[in-house]
Amino acid sequence: MIQPAQTFDQMPRYVRVRSEPGARLVEFDFAIGHPDLFVELVLPSAAFEHFCQHNRVQHMSEEMARAVDEEMIKWRFGEHGSR
């Protein structure tokens, strides 16, 4: 029997903050395993910090966020990076 490369608990977790710095509520994308498969969440700042620590998240780099955006455009409009 082939063992999976990673268990669910071992998969990396990613966040991408969408709200402005200093906002009362933090709007963010949260993904497990694949940064392009995410849910949109909103939490108060203190809860967001706790959430990030508890989930041992990686904040998406600008390069990673750009790649996710380009992939979304590709699926929405049918061509890579163009509308």
N, C-alpha and C. Protein backbone atom coordinates (compact mmCIF):
# COMPACT_ATOMS: atom_id res chain seq x y z
N MET A 1 0.85 -1.18 0.00
CA MET A 1 0.00 0.00 0.00
C MET A 1 0.89 1.25 0.00
N ILE A 2 0.59 2.20 -0.86
CA ILE A 2 1.37 3.43 -0.96
C ILE A 2 0.87 4.42 0.09
N GLN A 3 1.79 4.96 0.85
CA GLN A 3 1.46 5.95 1.87
C GLN A 3 1.42 7.34 1.23
N PRO A 4 0.47 8.19 1.66
CA PRO A 4 0.44 9.56 1.13
C PRO A 4 1.70 10.32 1.53
N ALA A 5 2.12 11.24 0.67
CA ALA A 5 3.33 12.02 0.93
C ALA A 5 3.18 12.84 2.21
N GLN A 6 1.99 13.39 2.44
CA GLN A 6 1.73 14.18 3.64
C GLN A 6 0.33 13.85 4.15
N THR A 7 0.21 13.86 5.46
CA THR A 7 -1.13 13.75 6.03
C THR A 7 -1.74 15.15 6.02
N PHE A 8 -3.04 15.21 6.23
CA PHE A 8 -3.73 16.50 6.25
C PHE A 8 -3.09 17.46 7.25
N ASP A 9 -2.74 16.95 8.43
CA ASP A 9 -2.13 17.80 9.47
C ASP A 9 -0.76 18.31 9.07
N GLN A 10 -0.09 17.64 8.16
CA GLN A 10 1.25 18.04 7.73
C GLN A 10 1.24 19.03 6.57
N MET A 11 0.10 19.18 5.92
CA MET A 11 0.03 20.07 4.76
C MET A 11 0.26 21.52 5.18
N PRO A 12 0.96 22.26 4.34
CA PRO A 12 1.19 23.68 4.67
C PRO A 12 -0.11 24.47 4.61
N ARG A 13 -0.19 25.49 5.45
CA ARG A 13 -1.34 26.38 5.49
C ARG A 13 -0.88 27.78 5.09
N TYR A 14 -1.69 28.43 4.26
CA TYR A 14 -1.32 29.73 3.72
C TYR A 14 -2.39 30.76 4.06
N VAL A 15 -1.95 31.99 4.31
CA VAL A 15 -2.87 33.11 4.43
C VAL A 15 -2.42 34.23 3.51
N ARG A 16 -3.40 34.95 3.02
CA ARG A 16 -3.16 36.14 2.21
C ARG A 16 -4.10 37.22 2.75
N VAL A 17 -3.53 38.22 3.38
CA VAL A 17 -4.34 39.28 3.98
C VAL A 17 -4.83 40.20 2.87
N ARG A 18 -6.13 40.48 2.89
CA ARG A 18 -6.76 41.33 1.88
C ARG A 18 -7.10 42.72 2.43
N SER A 19 -7.25 42.84 3.75
CA SER A 19 -7.63 44.11 4.35
C SER A 19 -6.42 45.03 4.50
N GLU A 20 -6.72 46.31 4.74
CA GLU A 20 -5.67 47.31 4.93
C GLU A 20 -4.98 47.10 6.27
N PRO A 21 -3.69 47.43 6.37
CA PRO A 21 -3.00 47.35 7.67
C PRO A 21 -3.71 48.21 8.71
N GLY A 22 -3.84 47.69 9.91
CA GLY A 22 -4.48 48.43 10.99
C GLY A 22 -5.99 48.35 11.01
N ALA A 23 -6.60 47.63 10.09
CA ALA A 23 -8.06 47.49 10.06
C ALA A 23 -8.53 46.75 11.30
N ARG A 24 -9.72 47.10 11.78
CA ARG A 24 -10.28 46.45 12.97
C ARG A 24 -10.52 44.97 12.72
N LEU A 25 -11.00 44.64 11.52
CA LEU A 25 -11.21 43.25 11.13
C LEU A 25 -10.23 42.89 10.02
N VAL A 26 -9.67 41.70 10.12
CA VAL A 26 -8.71 41.23 9.12
C VAL A 26 -9.45 40.34 8.14
N GLU A 27 -9.47 40.76 6.88
CA GLU A 27 -10.04 39.96 5.80
C GLU A 27 -8.89 39.21 5.15
N PHE A 28 -9.05 37.90 5.00
CA PHE A 28 -7.94 37.11 4.48
C PHE A 28 -8.42 35.85 3.78
N ASP A 29 -7.54 35.32 2.93
CA ASP A 29 -7.76 34.03 2.28
C ASP A 29 -6.98 32.99 3.08
N PHE A 30 -7.56 31.83 3.26
CA PHE A 30 -6.91 30.74 3.98
C PHE A 30 -6.94 29.49 3.12
N ALA A 31 -5.78 28.87 2.94
CA ALA A 31 -5.67 27.67 2.11
C ALA A 31 -4.88 26.60 2.85
N ILE A 32 -5.23 25.37 2.57
CA ILE A 32 -4.50 24.22 3.13
C ILE A 32 -4.00 23.39 1.96
N GLY A 33 -2.69 23.24 1.89
CA GLY A 33 -2.09 22.38 0.88
C GLY A 33 -1.81 23.05 -0.45
N HIS A 34 -2.78 23.78 -0.96
CA HIS A 34 -2.64 24.43 -2.27
C HIS A 34 -3.10 25.88 -2.13
N PRO A 35 -2.23 26.84 -2.34
CA PRO A 35 -2.61 28.24 -2.11
C PRO A 35 -3.71 28.74 -3.03
N ASP A 36 -3.99 28.06 -4.14
CA ASP A 36 -5.03 28.52 -5.05
C ASP A 36 -6.41 27.94 -4.73
N LEU A 37 -6.51 27.12 -3.71
CA LEU A 37 -7.80 26.59 -3.24
C LEU A 37 -8.03 27.15 -1.84
N PHE A 38 -8.75 28.25 -1.75
CA PHE A 38 -8.84 28.96 -0.48
C PHE A 38 -10.28 29.34 -0.14
N VAL A 39 -10.47 29.68 1.12
CA VAL A 39 -11.73 30.25 1.59
C VAL A 39 -11.42 31.66 2.06
N GLU A 40 -12.43 32.53 1.97
CA GLU A 40 -12.29 33.90 2.43
C GLU A 40 -12.85 33.98 3.84
N LEU A 41 -12.06 34.54 4.76
CA LEU A 41 -12.46 34.64 6.16
C LEU A 41 -12.26 36.05 6.68
N VAL A 42 -12.95 36.37 7.78
CA VAL A 42 -12.82 37.66 8.45
C VAL A 42 -12.76 37.39 9.95
N LEU A 43 -11.74 37.96 10.62
CA LEU A 43 -11.60 37.81 12.06
C LEU A 43 -11.12 39.13 12.67
N PRO A 44 -11.45 39.37 13.94
CA PRO A 44 -10.82 40.50 14.63
C PRO A 44 -9.31 40.27 14.69
N SER A 45 -8.55 41.34 14.80
CA SER A 45 -7.08 41.25 14.73
C SER A 45 -6.49 40.23 15.70
N ALA A 46 -6.91 40.27 16.97
CA ALA A 46 -6.35 39.34 17.96
C ALA A 46 -6.68 37.89 17.61
N ALA A 47 -7.89 37.65 17.15
CA ALA A 47 -8.29 36.29 16.76
C ALA A 47 -7.51 35.83 15.53
N PHE A 48 -7.24 36.75 14.61
CA PHE A 48 -6.45 36.42 13.43
C PHE A 48 -5.04 35.98 13.84
N GLU A 49 -4.43 36.72 14.74
CA GLU A 49 -3.09 36.35 15.21
C GLU A 49 -3.09 34.96 15.85
N HIS A 50 -4.09 34.69 16.68
CA HIS A 50 -4.21 33.37 17.31
C HIS A 50 -4.42 32.28 16.25
N PHE A 51 -5.29 32.56 15.27
CA PHE A 51 -5.56 31.63 14.18
C PHE A 51 -4.27 31.28 13.45
N CYS A 52 -3.46 32.30 13.14
CA CYS A 52 -2.21 32.09 12.41
C CYS A 52 -1.23 31.24 13.22
N GLN A 53 -1.12 31.53 14.50
CA GLN A 53 -0.22 30.75 15.36
C GLN A 53 -0.69 29.31 15.48
N HIS A 54 -1.98 29.14 15.71
CA HIS A 54 -2.55 27.80 15.89
C HIS A 54 -2.37 26.93 14.64
N ASN A 55 -2.52 27.55 13.47
CA ASN A 55 -2.42 26.81 12.21
C ASN A 55 -1.02 26.82 11.60
N ARG A 56 -0.08 27.48 12.26
CA ARG A 56 1.31 27.56 11.76
C ARG A 56 1.32 27.94 10.28
N VAL A 57 0.68 29.08 9.98
CA VAL A 57 0.50 29.50 8.60
C VAL A 57 1.77 30.10 8.01
N GLN A 58 1.80 30.08 6.69
CA GLN A 58 2.81 30.80 5.92
C GLN A 58 2.07 31.94 5.23
N HIS A 59 2.59 33.13 5.37
CA HIS A 59 1.99 34.26 4.66
C HIS A 59 2.45 34.19 3.22
N MET A 60 1.50 34.33 2.29
CA MET A 60 1.84 34.26 0.87
C MET A 60 2.75 35.42 0.49
N SER A 61 3.76 35.10 -0.27
CA SER A 61 4.63 36.13 -0.82
C SER A 61 3.90 36.83 -1.97
N GLU A 62 4.40 37.97 -2.39
CA GLU A 62 3.80 38.67 -3.53
C GLU A 62 3.84 37.79 -4.78
N GLU A 63 4.92 37.07 -4.95
CA GLU A 63 5.06 36.18 -6.12
C GLU A 63 4.01 35.07 -6.09
N MET A 64 3.81 34.48 -4.93
CA MET A 64 2.81 33.41 -4.80
C MET A 64 1.41 33.97 -5.04
N ALA A 65 1.11 35.14 -4.48
CA ALA A 65 -0.20 35.76 -4.66
C ALA A 65 -0.44 36.10 -6.13
N ARG A 66 0.58 36.58 -6.82
CA ARG A 66 0.46 36.91 -8.24
C ARG A 66 0.16 35.64 -9.05
N ALA A 67 0.81 34.53 -8.71
CA ALA A 67 0.57 33.26 -9.41
C ALA A 67 -0.87 32.79 -9.19
N VAL A 68 -1.38 32.94 -7.97
CA VAL A 68 -2.76 32.56 -7.67
C VAL A 68 -3.72 33.43 -8.49
N ASP A 69 -3.46 34.75 -8.53
CA ASP A 69 -4.31 35.66 -9.30
C ASP A 69 -4.31 35.32 -10.79
N GLU A 70 -3.14 35.02 -11.34
CA GLU A 70 -3.05 34.66 -12.75
C GLU A 70 -3.81 33.38 -13.05
N GLU A 71 -3.75 32.43 -12.15
CA GLU A 71 -4.48 31.18 -12.33
C GLU A 71 -5.99 31.42 -12.30
N MET A 72 -6.44 32.31 -11.41
CA MET A 72 -7.86 32.64 -11.34
C MET A 72 -8.33 33.30 -12.63
N ILE A 73 -7.52 34.20 -13.18
CA ILE A 73 -7.87 34.85 -14.44
C ILE A 73 -7.96 33.83 -15.56
N LYS A 74 -7.01 32.90 -15.57
CA LYS A 74 -7.01 31.85 -16.60
C LYS A 74 -8.32 31.07 -16.58
N TRP A 75 -8.77 30.68 -15.41
CA TRP A 75 -9.99 29.88 -15.32
C TRP A 75 -11.23 30.72 -15.56
N ARG A 76 -11.18 31.98 -15.23
CA ARG A 76 -12.35 32.83 -15.43
C ARG A 76 -12.51 33.26 -16.89
N PHE A 77 -11.39 33.60 -17.54
CA PHE A 77 -11.46 34.17 -18.88
C PHE A 77 -10.93 33.25 -19.97
N GLY A 78 -10.34 32.11 -19.61
CA GLY A 78 -9.97 31.11 -20.60
C GLY A 78 -8.55 31.18 -21.14
N GLU A 79 -7.82 32.24 -20.85
CA GLU A 79 -6.44 32.33 -21.30
C GLU A 79 -5.56 32.79 -20.15
N HIS A 80 -4.40 32.24 -20.08
CA HIS A 80 -3.48 32.56 -19.00
C HIS A 80 -3.13 34.04 -18.98
N GLY A 81 -3.53 34.70 -17.91
CA GLY A 81 -3.12 36.08 -17.67
C GLY A 81 -3.78 37.13 -18.53
N SER A 82 -4.84 36.81 -19.26
CA SER A 82 -5.47 37.84 -20.08
C SER A 82 -6.98 37.78 -19.92
N ARG A 83 -7.61 38.93 -20.07
CA ARG A 83 -9.07 39.02 -19.91
C ARG A 83 -9.76 39.18 -21.23
